Protein backbone atom coordinates (compact mmCIF):
# COMPACT_ATOMS: atom_id res chain seq x y z
CA MET A 1 -1.21 18.17 7.80
CA GLN A 2 -1.62 15.39 5.27
CA LYS A 3 -0.44 15.92 1.70
CA THR A 4 -2.95 15.08 -1.04
CA THR A 5 -3.04 15.10 -4.84
CA HIS A 6 -6.35 15.22 -6.72
CA VAL A 7 -7.48 14.59 -10.30
CA VAL A 8 -10.59 16.72 -10.81
CA PRO A 9 -12.78 17.71 -13.76
CA ALA A 10 -11.91 21.10 -15.21
CA LYS A 11 -14.69 23.66 -15.69
CA GLN A 12 -13.50 24.40 -19.23
CA GLY A 13 -13.36 20.67 -20.10
CA GLY A 14 -10.66 18.09 -19.60
CA TRP A 15 -9.04 17.20 -16.26
CA ASN A 16 -6.81 19.02 -13.78
CA ILE A 17 -4.31 17.90 -11.19
CA LYS A 18 -4.46 19.90 -7.96
CA ALA A 19 -2.71 19.76 -4.62
CA GLY A 20 -5.16 19.29 -1.75
CA ASN A 21 -4.51 22.75 -0.38
CA GLY A 22 -4.27 24.54 -3.72
CA ASN A 23 -6.79 26.48 -5.76
CA LYS A 24 -4.84 26.45 -9.00
CA ALA A 25 -4.27 23.40 -11.16
CA SER A 26 -0.67 22.25 -11.39
CA ALA A 27 -1.42 20.52 -14.72
CA HIS A 28 -4.26 20.18 -17.26
CA PHE A 29 -4.98 17.23 -19.57
CA ASP A 30 -7.55 16.50 -22.24
CA THR A 31 -8.27 12.98 -21.00
CA LYS A 32 -8.85 11.60 -17.54
CA GLN A 33 -6.37 8.76 -18.11
CA GLN A 34 -3.57 11.20 -18.91
CA ALA A 35 -4.33 13.14 -15.74
CA VAL A 36 -4.49 9.97 -13.62
CA ASP A 37 -1.16 8.70 -14.96
CA ARG A 38 0.62 11.99 -14.27
CA GLY A 39 -1.18 12.55 -10.97
CA ARG A 40 -0.08 9.11 -9.75
CA GLN A 41 3.55 9.97 -10.57
CA ILE A 42 3.28 13.25 -8.68
CA SER A 43 1.63 11.55 -5.71
CA ARG A 44 4.35 8.89 -5.53
CA ASN A 45 7.06 11.53 -5.67
CA LYS A 46 5.41 13.55 -2.88
CA GLY A 47 4.44 10.49 -0.83
CA SER A 48 0.85 11.73 -0.72
CA GLU A 49 -2.69 10.42 -0.73
CA PHE A 50 -4.05 10.29 -4.30
CA PHE A 51 -7.72 11.01 -5.05
CA ILE A 52 -9.43 10.51 -8.42
CA HIS A 53 -12.72 12.36 -8.78
CA GLY A 54 -15.54 11.68 -11.24
CA ARG A 55 -17.26 14.18 -13.53
CA ASN A 56 -19.67 14.95 -10.68
CA GLY A 57 -16.74 15.93 -8.44
CA LYS A 58 -17.17 13.03 -6.01
CA ILE A 59 -14.20 10.83 -5.13
CA GLN A 60 -14.25 7.60 -7.15
CA THR A 61 -10.89 6.11 -6.19
CA ARG A 62 -8.32 6.71 -3.51
CA ASP A 63 -4.75 5.45 -3.26
CA SER A 64 -1.99 6.01 -0.73
CA HIS A 65 1.64 6.66 -1.61
CA GLY A 66 2.71 7.85 1.82
CA ASN A 67 3.77 6.32 5.09
CA ASP A 68 0.66 4.50 6.20
CA PRO A 69 0.54 3.57 9.86
CA ARG A 70 0.07 -0.15 10.24
CA GLY A 71 -3.48 -0.81 11.40
CA THR A 72 -2.87 -4.21 12.95
CA LYS A 73 -0.47 -5.46 15.55
CA GLY A 74 2.01 -8.13 14.72
């Protein structure tokens, strides 16, 4: 199972950081940039995939902080 960290819009306003398999937010921020900065730190520490969602909930950006298998030979 792959570990993921997500920055998602909060229903009450602001932005939440959630683990991919979690229902509860691990942190809440007023601005998206604050959430992205903290979420990136968390993702690096966990070695996880990092997803940044837009206001509409769709993934805007994705970044990997885990052990990526090399896609090419050589």
